[in-house]
């Protein structure tokens, strides 16, 4: 028995040494970077090329990542793990004062990771605004919109129980405040930059975000910024980020952040992601890197035939961003792209020249460039849709669909909008536009009678004669104002008998139908309709409103449904 115990002790010491050595090697691997933790989440993630850059990898270094706390639960967990509001359980959120939830997490870490190795664990609420208000969570300090106190209480317990592991809270969603006291050494925070607009110039939010990071650095030495490098509604249109990230990386370093996670298209294809990966990696290593020089060098190394053409276009985009100095969208469509980061003429010339040049390239380069050209057919289709010129769309759709059939690329957005559904919706769009040939409001100017959102301040898109697609809400305006009623003016026309209002619904973006739409003239209600969903929960629907004979301007008044914060209006037609 004594000999057996000695052997067990030796084995334990060897395991501890191996874990320590592994940790030392990991630290040494990344010491050349300006930040202790650097990760770029693009399709190359986890490849040999990616690993050669000494970037971190969430699949290898995080036991729980993102909003995935539910993975620690058994198939039939105790109901005590869920948040409570007015005594009722909400399965969409957790109770972080729950002893049962704490035990499930401990059992998961003990079983899968043990106590000797070192891993990171994100202990985050689900991605919604629900907070638990059970007696224990309220006693911890939770409020109706902030779960931070109970979350931090849970994390402190876990950090004490597992001193070799690291535990991260977040500053995002319903986790809105920081602890009063500094956190343990093995606790950190993931601070989302979702509310810090991508811009090459200082914005109103920049100082606010810098202050937030600086304040967090007083509470923990592990401040990781979760930032974004794609338009998540369109992975295929090239998206410029180098000028923007140059500014941000320097800011993050100055205010004490020591980790950066760049959220890109993940495992899904996105245009020019390989070049983005290499250049951004150099910038993370040294924020003072001359990224223009680096971009040209990497473009020529990767693509000897087409590299110069690619470099010239990417620089045209970066210069366009510098010239316009507009905030870049994280979720938006072709109209905003043209106003912020897509120089149309340069793009069209690039697309055509690239396809011609890649025919002379070596097979590997040719294959990659042909894939890029096919992906950018989506951009060409969106430009056609915006212009209302849908001639010869079918051949472009067929080219786009070859990505799905040959290259295993099925989606083009974070919402998993598929190429197949895009083609189906585009064909439906063309049919609907053909049926709207008698639209008398096409090109007619509407009048804003209520406050417009800054992002949607151009009403002309509502009478451009172009309908959108069920999986795309970017061909109209979104109303986020808190007013209970929102109105626009429509010129009265002799013989106008019907107004057709196209509406957009999307629960994922908390966008729903108005409670009702009133038609008024001279302050008098002429007609009222209550919109209803037609078909699925996500998509487009329309309502027809009869127009009695009336003089002067007509008013469309949209009464808000209090349960949804946004309304989407796609088009207003007149017949």
Protein backbone atom coordinates (compact mmCIF):
# COMPACT_ATOMS: atom_id res chain seq x y z
CA UNK A 1 0.00 0.00 0.00
CA UNK A 2 2.81 2.38 0.88
CA UNK A 3 4.52 1.74 -2.48
CA UNK A 4 1.25 2.38 -4.30
CA UNK A 5 0.73 5.71 -2.53
CA UNK A 6 4.28 6.81 -3.41
CA UNK A 7 3.63 5.97 -7.08
CA UNK A 8 0.37 7.90 -6.99
CA UNK A 9 2.20 10.92 -5.52
CA UNK A 10 4.89 10.73 -8.20
CA UNK A 11 2.26 10.57 -10.92
CA UNK A 12 0.49 13.57 -9.43
CA UNK A 13 3.71 15.60 -9.33
CA UNK A 14 4.48 14.68 -12.95
CA UNK A 15 1.01 15.76 -14.01
CA UNK A 16 1.43 19.07 -12.18
CA UNK A 17 4.79 19.65 -13.85
CA UNK A 18 3.34 18.85 -17.28
CA UNK A 19 0.47 21.27 -16.73
CA UNK A 20 2.89 23.97 -15.53
CA UNK A 21 5.19 23.37 -18.51
CA UNK A 22 2.26 23.56 -20.91
CA UNK A 23 1.21 26.87 -19.40
CA UNK A 24 4.73 28.24 -19.67
CA UNK A 25 4.94 27.21 -23.31
CA UNK A 26 1.59 28.83 -24.06
CA UNK A 27 2.71 32.08 -22.48
CA UNK A 28 6.02 32.00 -24.34
CA UNK A 29 4.21 31.33 -27.60
CA UNK A 30 2.39 34.64 -27.37
CA UNK A 31 4.93 36.94 -25.72
CA UNK A 32 5.71 38.67 -29.03
CA UNK A 33 2.19 40.09 -29.23
CA UNK A 34 1.21 43.47 -27.82
CA UNK A 35 -1.66 41.74 -26.00
CA UNK A 36 -1.60 38.64 -23.80
CA UNK A 37 -4.58 37.11 -25.59
CA UNK A 38 -5.17 37.49 -29.35
CA UNK A 39 -7.71 35.60 -31.44
CA UNK A 40 -9.20 36.20 -34.89
CA UNK A 41 -12.37 34.21 -35.60
CA UNK A 42 -12.34 33.66 -39.36
CA UNK A 43 -12.69 30.51 -41.53
CA UNK A 44 -8.93 29.86 -41.31
CA UNK A 45 -9.37 29.45 -37.53
CA UNK A 46 -7.64 26.27 -36.39
CA UNK A 47 -5.79 25.64 -39.66
CA UNK A 48 -2.04 25.04 -39.83
CA UNK A 49 -1.64 28.55 -41.25
CA UNK A 50 -3.60 30.01 -38.35
CA UNK A 51 -1.64 28.08 -35.73
CA UNK A 52 1.66 29.19 -37.27
CA UNK A 53 0.73 32.77 -36.38
CA UNK A 54 0.72 31.91 -32.66
CA UNK A 55 -2.82 33.15 -32.22
CA UNK A 56 -5.04 31.79 -29.50
CA UNK A 57 -7.83 29.35 -30.26
CA UNK A 58 -11.08 29.25 -28.31
CA UNK A 59 -11.59 25.56 -29.12
CA UNK A 60 -8.36 24.70 -27.34
CA UNK A 61 -8.21 27.26 -24.55
CA UNK A 62 -11.78 27.76 -23.35
CA UNK A 63 -13.80 25.18 -21.48
CA UNK A 64 -16.88 27.34 -21.95
CA UNK A 65 -16.97 30.11 -24.55
CA UNK A 66 -19.55 32.79 -25.24
CA UNK A 67 -23.18 32.29 -24.26
CA UNK A 68 -22.84 28.52 -23.92
CA UNK A 69 -23.29 27.99 -20.20
CA UNK A 70 -26.19 25.68 -20.99
CA UNK A 71 -23.73 23.01 -22.14
CA UNK A 72 -22.86 22.20 -18.52
CA UNK A 73 -26.43 21.17 -17.73
CA UNK A 74 -27.60 17.55 -17.75
CA UNK A 75 -30.40 16.50 -20.07
CA UNK A 76 -33.01 17.11 -17.38
CA UNK A 77 -31.64 19.80 -15.06
CA UNK A 78 -33.21 21.05 -11.88
CA UNK A 79 -35.68 23.87 -12.54
CA UNK A 80 -33.83 25.81 -9.85
CA UNK A 81 -31.12 26.76 -12.40
CA UNK A 82 -33.46 29.08 -14.28
CA UNK A 83 -34.18 32.76 -13.69
CA UNK A 84 -37.35 33.78 -11.86
CA UNK A 85 -39.54 36.81 -12.48
CA UNK A 86 -42.61 37.28 -10.31
CA UNK A 87 -42.03 33.75 -9.03
CA UNK A 88 -42.22 32.26 -12.55
CA UNK A 89 -39.23 30.42 -14.09
CA UNK A 90 -37.73 31.66 -17.38
CA UNK A 91 -35.89 28.87 -19.17
CA UNK A 92 -34.25 31.43 -21.49
CA UNK A 93 -32.05 32.70 -18.62
CA UNK A 94 -30.16 31.43 -15.57
CA UNK A 95 -30.33 32.13 -11.86
CA UNK A 96 -26.73 32.83 -10.84
CA UNK A 97 -27.58 32.45 -7.16
CA UNK A 98 -28.70 28.88 -7.80
CA UNK A 99 -26.79 26.30 -5.79
CA UNK A 100 -27.80 23.69 -8.36
CA UNK A 101 -26.27 25.72 -11.22
CA UNK A 102 -23.06 26.14 -9.24
CA UNK A 103 -22.86 22.37 -8.66
CA UNK A 104 -23.45 21.61 -12.34
CA UNK A 105 -20.59 23.93 -13.32
CA UNK A 106 -18.26 22.41 -10.72
CA UNK A 107 -19.10 18.88 -11.83
CA UNK A 108 -18.52 19.81 -15.48
CA UNK A 109 -15.09 21.31 -14.79
CA UNK A 110 -14.07 18.46 -12.47
CA UNK A 111 -15.12 15.85 -15.00
CA UNK A 112 -13.74 17.41 -18.20
CA UNK A 113 -10.82 19.60 -17.04
CA UNK A 114 -9.83 18.68 -13.50
CA UNK A 115 -7.99 20.95 -11.08
CA UNK A 116 -4.42 20.73 -12.36
CA UNK A 117 -4.68 22.11 -15.89
CA UNK A 118 -5.47 25.74 -16.72
CA UNK A 119 -8.43 26.67 -18.91
CA UNK A 120 -10.69 29.67 -19.38
CA UNK A 121 -14.42 29.61 -18.70
CA UNK A 122 -16.96 32.25 -19.74
CA UNK A 123 -19.71 32.38 -17.14
CA UNK A 124 -22.17 34.54 -19.05
CA UNK A 125 -25.95 34.89 -19.03
CA UNK A 126 -27.80 33.97 -22.19
CA UNK A 127 -27.89 36.67 -24.87
CA UNK A 128 -31.06 38.47 -23.77
CA UNK A 129 -32.14 41.18 -21.34
CA UNK A 130 -33.81 38.90 -18.76
CA UNK A 131 -32.45 39.02 -15.20
CA UNK A 132 -33.30 36.80 -12.27
CA UNK A 133 -35.18 38.52 -9.46
CA UNK A 134 -35.53 35.63 -7.05
CA UNK A 135 -34.97 36.57 -3.35
CA UNK A 136 -31.30 35.47 -3.43
CA UNK A 137 -30.49 37.39 -6.63
CA UNK A 138 -32.27 40.50 -5.35
CA UNK A 139 -30.33 40.21 -2.09
CA UNK A 140 -27.09 39.99 -4.13
CA UNK A 141 -28.05 43.28 -5.80
CA UNK A 142 -29.74 42.29 -9.07
CA UNK A 143 -32.11 44.78 -10.66
CA UNK A 144 -34.68 44.38 -13.43
CA UNK A 145 -32.04 45.16 -16.08
CA UNK A 146 -28.73 44.16 -14.45
CA UNK A 147 -27.65 40.66 -13.41
CA UNK A 148 -24.03 41.64 -12.65
CA UNK A 149 -24.13 41.21 -8.83
CA UNK A 150 -25.32 37.59 -8.90
CA UNK A 151 -23.03 36.73 -11.84
CA UNK A 152 -19.99 38.11 -10.00
CA UNK A 153 -20.96 36.30 -6.84
CA UNK A 154 -21.02 33.01 -8.76
CA UNK A 155 -17.70 33.72 -10.49
CA UNK A 156 -15.93 34.56 -7.23
CA UNK A 157 -17.02 31.20 -5.80
CA UNK A 158 -15.77 29.32 -8.87
CA UNK A 159 -12.46 31.21 -8.91
CA UNK A 160 -11.84 30.26 -5.29
CA UNK A 161 -12.77 26.62 -5.89
CA UNK A 162 -10.58 26.34 -9.03
CA UNK A 163 -7.56 28.61 -8.46
CA UNK A 164 -5.70 27.34 -11.57
CA UNK A 165 -8.55 28.05 -13.97
CA UNK A 166 -9.61 31.49 -15.21
CA UNK A 167 -13.23 32.69 -15.13
CA UNK A 168 -14.67 35.55 -17.18
CA UNK A 169 -17.74 37.66 -16.80
CA UNK A 170 -18.84 40.06 -19.55
CA UNK A 171 -19.82 43.68 -19.98
CA UNK A 172 -22.68 43.12 -22.38
CA UNK A 173 -26.44 42.69 -22.43
CA UNK A 174 -27.84 42.24 -18.94
CA UNK A 175 -24.38 42.37 -17.31
CA UNK A 176 -24.00 46.14 -17.09
CA UNK A 177 -22.06 47.09 -13.97
CA UNK A 178 -18.66 46.32 -12.54
CA UNK A 179 -17.93 45.06 -9.01
CA UNK A 180 -17.12 47.51 -6.24
CA UNK A 181 -14.04 45.51 -5.17
CA UNK A 182 -11.17 44.24 -7.36
CA UNK A 183 -11.67 40.72 -8.64
CA UNK A 184 -9.47 37.70 -7.88
CA UNK A 185 -6.37 37.24 -10.03
CA UNK A 186 -7.96 34.39 -11.98
CA UNK A 187 -11.06 36.38 -12.94
CA UNK A 188 -11.43 38.59 -16.02
CA UNK A 189 -13.98 40.37 -18.17
CA UNK A 190 -15.01 40.22 -21.82
CA UNK A 191 -16.02 43.74 -22.81
CA UNK A 192 -18.13 43.87 -25.95
CA UNK A 193 -17.41 46.70 -28.40
CA UNK A 194 -20.87 46.35 -29.96
CA UNK A 195 -21.79 49.91 -28.92
CA UNK A 196 -18.45 51.38 -30.00
CA UNK A 197 -18.97 52.22 -33.70
CA UNK A 198 -16.36 51.18 -36.25
CA UNK A 199 -14.88 54.47 -37.43
CA UNK A 200 -11.57 55.93 -38.59
CA UNK A 201 -12.27 59.11 -36.62
CA UNK A 202 -13.23 59.81 -33.04
CA UNK A 203 -16.91 59.22 -32.29
CA UNK A 204 -19.07 60.22 -29.35
CA UNK A 205 -18.72 56.67 -28.03
CA UNK A 206 -14.91 56.47 -28.17
CA UNK A 207 -14.14 58.29 -24.93
CA UNK A 208 -16.99 56.47 -23.23
CA UNK A 209 -15.61 53.08 -24.28
CA UNK A 210 -12.03 54.03 -23.39
CA UNK A 211 -13.20 55.08 -19.92
CA UNK A 212 -15.09 51.80 -19.54
CA UNK A 213 -11.95 49.77 -20.34
CA UNK A 214 -9.81 51.91 -18.05
CA UNK A 215 -12.31 51.47 -15.21
CA UNK A 216 -12.39 47.71 -15.72
CA UNK A 217 -8.59 47.59 -15.68
CA UNK A 218 -8.81 48.86 -12.08
CA UNK A 219 -10.91 45.82 -11.19
CA UNK A 220 -8.97 43.12 -13.06
CA UNK A 221 -5.74 42.63 -14.98
CA UNK A 222 -7.61 40.44 -17.47
CA UNK A 223 -9.58 42.86 -19.67
CA UNK A 224 -10.38 41.27 -23.04
CA UNK A 225 -12.13 43.30 -25.76
CA UNK A 226 -14.64 41.43 -27.93
CA UNK A 227 -14.57 43.35 -31.23
CA UNK A 228 -16.05 42.87 -34.72
CA UNK A 229 -14.54 42.73 -38.22
CA UNK A 230 -17.44 41.88 -40.54
CA UNK A 231 -20.77 43.14 -41.75
CA UNK A 232 -22.68 40.21 -40.27
CA UNK A 233 -25.59 40.51 -42.69
CA UNK A 234 -23.30 40.16 -45.71
CA UNK A 235 -20.11 38.09 -45.54
CA UNK A 236 -19.57 38.25 -49.32
CA UNK A 237 -19.19 41.98 -50.01
CA UNK A 238 -15.55 42.84 -49.10
CA UNK A 239 -15.46 44.72 -45.80
CA UNK A 240 -12.50 47.05 -45.00
CA UNK A 241 -11.24 47.04 -41.40
CA UNK A 242 -7.53 47.92 -41.33
CA UNK A 243 -7.81 51.71 -40.91
CA UNK A 244 -10.47 51.24 -38.26
CA UNK A 245 -8.59 48.56 -36.33
CA UNK A 246 -5.32 50.49 -36.41
CA UNK A 247 -7.01 53.20 -34.35
CA UNK A 248 -8.76 50.75 -32.04
CA UNK A 249 -5.75 48.54 -31.27
CA UNK A 250 -3.71 51.57 -30.19
CA UNK A 251 -6.58 52.77 -28.01
CA UNK A 252 -7.03 49.38 -26.36
CA UNK A 253 -3.34 49.17 -25.52
CA UNK A 254 -3.31 52.69 -24.05
CA UNK A 255 -6.21 52.10 -21.67
CA UNK A 256 -5.06 48.78 -20.25
CA UNK A 257 -6.82 46.04 -22.23
CA UNK A 258 -4.64 42.95 -22.48
CA UNK A 259 -6.70 40.68 -24.72
CA UNK A 260 -8.54 41.02 -28.03
CA UNK A 261 -10.99 38.63 -29.64
CA UNK A 262 -11.90 39.69 -33.18
CA UNK A 263 -15.26 38.23 -34.11
CA UNK A 264 -15.41 37.61 -37.84
CA UNK A 265 -17.44 35.19 -39.93
CA UNK A 266 -16.37 32.22 -37.82
CA UNK A 267 -16.40 28.97 -39.78
CA UNK A 268 -18.39 30.53 -42.64
CA UNK A 269 -16.78 31.83 -45.80
CA UNK A 270 -16.17 35.58 -46.04
CA UNK A 271 -14.44 37.46 -48.83
CA UNK A 272 -10.67 38.00 -48.52
CA UNK A 273 -10.61 36.50 -45.02
CA UNK A 274 -7.15 34.97 -45.51
CA UNK A 275 -5.58 38.37 -46.19
CA UNK A 276 -7.48 39.87 -43.27
CA UNK A 277 -6.13 37.19 -40.98
CA UNK A 278 -2.49 37.73 -41.91
CA UNK A 279 -2.55 41.53 -41.80
CA UNK A 280 -4.61 41.78 -38.59
CA UNK A 281 -2.27 39.28 -36.95
CA UNK A 282 0.68 41.57 -37.70
CA UNK A 283 -1.25 44.55 -36.33
CA UNK A 284 -2.07 42.69 -33.11
CA UNK A 285 1.59 41.84 -32.72
CA UNK A 286 2.53 45.49 -33.18
CA UNK A 287 -0.25 48.13 -33.39
CA UNK A 288 2.26 50.47 -35.08
CA UNK A 289 2.66 48.08 -38.02
CA UNK A 290 2.55 49.73 -41.45
CA UNK A 291 -0.47 47.68 -42.50
CA UNK A 292 -0.47 49.12 -46.04
CA UNK A 293 3.01 47.73 -46.65
CA UNK A 294 2.04 44.48 -44.94
CA UNK A 295 -1.12 44.18 -47.03
CA UNK A 296 0.73 44.58 -50.31
CA UNK A 297 3.43 42.11 -49.30
CA UNK A 298 0.96 39.45 -48.16
CA UNK A 299 -1.29 39.95 -51.19
CA UNK A 300 1.63 39.40 -53.58
CA UNK A 301 2.90 36.39 -51.61
CA UNK A 302 -0.47 34.68 -51.52
CA UNK A 303 -1.65 35.64 -55.01
CA UNK A 304 1.25 36.27 -57.43
CA UNK A 305 -1.07 36.83 -60.41
CA UNK A 306 -3.97 38.75 -58.85
CA UNK A 307 -2.32 40.16 -55.72
CA UNK A 308 -1.68 43.65 -57.05
CA UNK A 309 -5.26 43.97 -58.29
CA UNK A 310 -6.57 42.81 -54.90
CA UNK A 311 -4.29 45.22 -53.05
CA UNK A 312 -5.40 48.14 -55.22
CA UNK A 313 -9.09 47.43 -54.58
CA UNK A 314 -8.64 46.92 -50.83
CA UNK A 315 -6.79 50.22 -50.67
CA UNK A 316 -9.54 51.89 -52.71
CA UNK A 317 -11.99 50.73 -50.03
CA UNK A 318 -9.77 51.93 -47.19
CA UNK A 319 -9.33 55.32 -48.88
CA UNK A 320 -13.09 55.52 -49.41
CA UNK A 321 -13.64 54.95 -45.71
CA UNK A 322 -11.07 57.61 -44.86
CA UNK A 323 -12.70 60.07 -47.25
CA UNK A 324 -16.29 59.61 -46.07
CA UNK A 325 -15.45 59.17 -42.36
CA UNK A 326 -18.75 57.42 -41.71
CA UNK A 327 -19.40 54.71 -39.14
CA UNK A 328 -19.20 51.23 -40.67
CA UNK A 329 -22.25 48.97 -40.24
CA UNK A 330 -22.14 45.66 -38.40
CA UNK A 331 -25.61 44.72 -39.62
CA UNK A 332 -26.82 46.40 -42.78
CA UNK A 333 -27.41 46.12 -46.50
CA UNK A 334 -26.18 47.44 -49.82
CA UNK A 335 -27.58 50.98 -49.47
CA UNK A 336 -25.54 51.62 -46.32
CA UNK A 337 -22.51 49.85 -47.80
CA UNK A 338 -22.45 52.32 -50.69
CA UNK A 339 -22.63 55.21 -48.25
CA UNK A 340 -19.84 53.95 -46.01
CA UNK A 341 -17.37 51.41 -47.41
CA UNK A 342 -18.18 50.26 -50.95
CA UNK A 343 -16.99 52.51 -53.83
CA UNK A 344 -19.28 51.17 -56.54
CA UNK A 345 -17.22 51.93 -59.64
CA UNK A 346 -14.04 50.52 -58.08
CA UNK A 347 -15.91 47.40 -57.03
CA UNK A 348 -17.39 46.70 -60.44
CA UNK A 349 -14.06 47.22 -62.19
CA UNK A 350 -12.33 45.01 -59.63
CA UNK A 351 -14.85 42.19 -59.99
CA UNK A 352 -14.55 42.06 -63.79
CA UNK A 353 -10.75 42.46 -63.88
CA UNK A 354 -10.23 39.83 -61.18
CA UNK A 355 -12.26 37.25 -63.05
CA UNK A 356 -10.23 37.91 -66.21
CA UNK A 357 -6.83 37.80 -64.46
CA UNK A 358 -7.46 34.70 -62.40
CA UNK A 359 -7.72 32.60 -65.57
CA UNK A 360 -3.94 32.99 -65.92
CA UNK A 361 -3.15 32.08 -62.32
CA UNK A 362 -1.84 28.82 -60.89
CA UNK A 363 -4.60 26.30 -60.05
CA UNK A 364 -4.77 27.02 -56.30
CA UNK A 365 -4.87 30.80 -56.78
CA UNK A 366 -7.34 30.47 -59.64
CA UNK A 367 -9.69 28.34 -57.55
CA UNK A 368 -9.66 30.81 -54.66
CA UNK A 369 -10.19 33.83 -56.91
CA UNK A 370 -13.02 32.17 -58.83
CA UNK A 371 -14.70 31.49 -55.49
CA UNK A 372 -14.31 35.17 -54.56
CA UNK A 373 -15.76 36.30 -57.91
CA UNK A 374 -18.76 34.03 -57.47
CA UNK A 375 -19.33 35.29 -53.92
CA UNK A 376 -19.26 38.89 -55.11
CA UNK A 377 -22.10 38.09 -57.51
CA UNK A 378 -24.28 38.57 -54.43
CA UNK A 379 -23.02 42.16 -54.26
CA UNK A 380 -23.83 42.64 -57.96
CA UNK A 381 -27.32 41.23 -57.39
CA UNK A 382 -27.87 43.55 -54.44
CA UNK A 383 -26.80 46.54 -56.54
CA UNK A 384 -29.28 45.50 -59.21
CA UNK A 385 -32.01 45.09 -56.59
CA UNK A 386 -31.29 48.52 -55.16
CA UNK A 387 -31.51 50.08 -58.63
CA UNK A 388 -34.72 48.22 -59.45
CA UNK A 389 -33.02 46.79 -62.54
CA UNK A 390 -33.56 43.05 -62.42
CA UNK A 391 -32.74 42.15 -66.01
CA UNK A 392 -30.47 39.12 -66.43
CA UNK A 393 -30.56 38.34 -62.71
CA UNK A 394 -31.05 34.62 -63.32
CA UNK A 395 -27.56 34.02 -64.75
CA UNK A 396 -25.97 35.77 -61.76
CA UNK A 397 -28.08 33.73 -59.35
CA UNK A 398 -26.95 30.51 -61.03
CA UNK A 399 -23.31 31.59 -60.72
CA UNK A 400 -23.81 32.40 -57.04
CA UNK A 401 -25.47 29.03 -56.40
CA UNK A 402 -22.44 27.13 -57.70
CA UNK A 403 -20.77 28.07 -54.41
CA UNK A 404 -23.41 26.02 -52.60
CA UNK A 405 -23.15 23.01 -54.87
CA UNK A 406 -19.39 22.86 -55.46
CA UNK A 407 -17.57 24.62 -52.67
CA UNK A 408 -19.65 23.76 -49.61
CA UNK A 409 -20.52 27.39 -48.94
CA UNK A 410 -24.15 27.52 -47.89
CA UNK A 411 -24.71 30.78 -46.00
CA UNK A 412 -23.72 34.41 -46.42
CA UNK A 413 -24.66 35.92 -43.06
CA UNK A 414 -24.51 35.40 -39.30
CA UNK A 415 -28.26 34.70 -39.36
CA UNK A 416 -27.50 31.67 -41.57
CA UNK A 417 -29.32 33.16 -44.54
CA UNK A 418 -28.63 30.51 -47.17
CA UNK A 419 -27.73 30.94 -50.82
CA UNK A 420 -30.67 28.73 -51.75
CA UNK A 421 -33.12 30.91 -49.81
CA UNK A 422 -31.54 34.04 -51.28
CA UNK A 423 -32.13 32.76 -54.81
CA UNK A 424 -35.70 31.76 -53.98
CA UNK A 425 -36.43 35.17 -52.46
CA UNK A 426 -34.77 37.03 -55.32
CA UNK A 427 -36.98 35.27 -57.84
CA UNK A 428 -40.01 36.08 -55.71
CA UNK A 429 -38.85 39.71 -55.58
CA UNK A 430 -38.65 39.87 -59.37
CA UNK A 431 -42.17 38.44 -59.69
CA UNK A 432 -43.59 40.89 -57.14
CA UNK A 433 -41.90 43.86 -58.78
CA UNK A 434 -43.38 42.86 -62.15
CA UNK A 435 -46.84 42.75 -60.54
CA UNK A 436 -46.35 46.28 -59.10
CA UNK A 437 -46.08 47.97 -62.48
CA UNK A 438 -49.14 50.13 -61.80
CA UNK A 439 -47.67 51.68 -58.66
CA UNK A 440 -48.55 55.40 -58.75
CA UNK A 441 -46.34 56.31 -55.77
CA UNK A 442 -43.07 55.27 -57.40
CA UNK A 443 -40.69 58.22 -57.13
CA UNK A 444 -43.19 60.33 -55.15
CA UNK A 445 -41.71 62.27 -52.21
CA UNK A 446 -43.08 61.44 -48.75
CA UNK A 447 -42.98 63.83 -45.81
CA UNK A 448 -41.68 62.89 -42.36
CA UNK A 449 -44.17 63.99 -39.70
CA UNK A 450 -42.32 62.24 -36.85
CA UNK A 451 -38.67 61.88 -35.84
CA UNK A 452 -36.59 59.69 -38.15
CA UNK A 453 -33.83 57.41 -36.87
CA UNK A 454 -30.37 58.76 -37.88
CA UNK A 455 -29.61 55.49 -39.67
CA UNK A 456 -32.89 55.66 -41.62
CA UNK A 457 -33.35 59.30 -42.52
CA UNK A 458 -34.10 58.88 -46.24
CA UNK A 459 -37.79 58.25 -46.94
CA UNK A 460 -37.20 58.01 -50.69
CA UNK A 461 -36.41 54.31 -50.22
CA UNK A 462 -40.10 53.76 -49.36
CA UNK A 463 -41.24 54.92 -52.80
CA UNK A 464 -38.36 53.69 -54.96
CA UNK A 465 -40.54 50.95 -56.43
CA UNK A 466 -38.18 48.21 -55.19
CA UNK A 467 -39.49 45.56 -52.81
CA UNK A 468 -37.19 43.63 -50.52
CA UNK A 469 -36.90 39.92 -49.79
CA UNK A 470 -38.37 37.86 -46.90
CA UNK A 471 -34.93 37.16 -45.41
CA UNK A 472 -33.67 40.73 -45.80
CA UNK A 473 -35.01 43.85 -44.06
CA UNK A 474 -32.49 46.28 -45.60
CA UNK A 475 -34.68 47.72 -48.35
CA UNK A 476 -36.75 50.06 -46.20
CA UNK A 477 -36.55 51.93 -42.91
CA UNK A 478 -36.56 50.81 -39.30
CA UNK A 479 -38.37 52.85 -36.66
CA UNK A 480 -36.83 52.63 -33.19
CA UNK A 481 -38.15 55.90 -31.73
CA UNK A 482 -40.06 55.56 -28.43
CA UNK A 483 -43.07 57.50 -29.75
CA UNK A 484 -46.32 55.57 -29.42
CA UNK A 485 -47.42 56.89 -32.80
CA UNK A 486 -45.26 57.57 -35.85
CA UNK A 487 -46.52 59.36 -38.97
CA UNK A 488 -45.58 60.18 -42.55
CA UNK A 489 -47.37 62.32 -45.10
CA UNK A 490 -48.51 61.00 -48.49
CA UNK A 491 -49.58 63.41 -51.26
CA UNK A 492 -53.21 63.01 -52.25
CA UNK A 493 -53.74 62.04 -55.90
CA UNK A 494 -56.91 62.09 -57.97
CA UNK A 495 -58.13 58.55 -58.48
CA UNK A 496 -55.91 57.03 -55.75
CA UNK A 497 -57.99 54.20 -54.29
CA UNK A 498 -55.57 52.00 -52.31
CA UNK A 499 -52.38 52.41 -50.32
CA UNK A 500 -50.38 49.21 -49.96
CA UNK A 501 -47.92 49.22 -47.06
CA UNK A 502 -45.22 46.53 -47.00
CA UNK A 503 -43.99 45.65 -43.48
CA UNK A 504 -41.06 43.63 -42.18
CA UNK A 505 -40.97 41.29 -39.17
CA UNK A 506 -37.90 39.70 -37.59
CA UNK A 507 -38.02 38.43 -33.98
CA UNK A 508 -34.24 37.98 -33.89
CA UNK A 509 -33.89 41.74 -34.22
CA UNK A 510 -36.97 42.41 -32.06
CA UNK A 511 -38.75 43.87 -35.08
CA UNK A 512 -42.50 43.42 -35.23
CA UNK A 513 -45.69 44.70 -36.78
CA UNK A 514 -47.41 47.93 -35.68
CA UNK A 515 -50.53 47.44 -33.61
CA UNK A 516 -52.56 49.32 -36.20
CA UNK A 517 -52.21 51.76 -39.09
CA UNK A 518 -54.54 54.74 -39.34
CA UNK A 519 -55.16 56.73 -42.52
CA UNK A 520 -56.01 60.36 -41.79
CA UNK A 521 -56.78 63.53 -43.67
CA UNK A 522 -57.09 66.91 -41.98
CA UNK A 523 -56.85 65.22 -38.59
CA UNK A 524 -59.81 62.94 -39.30
CA UNK A 525 -59.41 59.15 -39.38
CA UNK A 526 -60.51 57.81 -42.77
CA UNK A 527 -59.61 54.18 -42.31
CA UNK A 528 -57.88 51.79 -39.89
CA UNK A 529 -56.23 48.39 -40.40
CA UNK A 530 -54.60 45.94 -37.97
CA UNK A 531 -51.68 44.17 -39.68
CA UNK A 532 -51.41 40.41 -39.30
CA UNK A 533 -48.57 38.04 -40.10
CA UNK A 534 -48.89 36.22 -43.39
CA UNK A 535 -46.93 32.99 -43.32
CA UNK A 536 -43.97 32.56 -40.99
CA UNK A 537 -42.71 34.70 -38.13
CA UNK A 538 -39.84 36.10 -40.19
CA UNK A 539 -40.52 37.88 -43.42
CA UNK A 540 -42.65 40.45 -45.18
CA UNK A 541 -46.34 41.13 -45.19
CA UNK A 542 -48.51 43.88 -46.64
CA UNK A 543 -51.76 45.61 -45.80
CA UNK A 544 -54.10 47.37 -48.22
CA UNK A 545 -55.78 50.51 -46.97
CA UNK A 546 -58.76 51.89 -48.88
CA UNK A 547 -58.52 55.61 -49.63
CA UNK A 548 -61.86 57.47 -49.61
CA UNK A 549 -62.06 60.64 -51.71
CA UNK A 550 -60.20 63.33 -49.76
CA UNK A 551 -58.44 66.59 -50.44
CA UNK A 552 -55.00 67.62 -49.26
CA UNK A 553 -52.23 65.50 -47.84
CA UNK A 554 -52.92 62.03 -46.45
CA UNK A 555 -51.30 60.86 -43.24
CA UNK A 556 -50.27 57.29 -42.45
CA UNK A 557 -50.09 56.88 -38.69
CA UNK A 558 -48.39 53.78 -37.28
CA UNK A 559 -49.42 52.90 -33.72
CA UNK A 560 -46.62 51.03 -31.96
CA UNK A 561 -46.99 47.59 -30.48
CA UNK A 562 -45.44 48.09 -27.03
CA UNK A 563 -44.14 44.52 -26.93
CA UNK A 564 -41.64 45.07 -29.76
CA UNK A 565 -39.14 47.96 -29.86
CA UNK A 566 -38.85 48.27 -33.66
CA UNK A 567 -41.10 48.51 -36.69
CA UNK A 568 -39.89 47.91 -40.23
CA UNK A 569 -41.51 49.56 -43.26
CA UNK A 570 -40.26 48.37 -46.62
CA UNK A 571 -42.33 50.09 -49.30
CA UNK A 572 -45.49 52.15 -49.76
CA UNK A 573 -47.33 51.74 -53.04
CA UNK A 574 -50.39 53.45 -54.44
CA UNK A 575 -53.00 52.07 -56.83
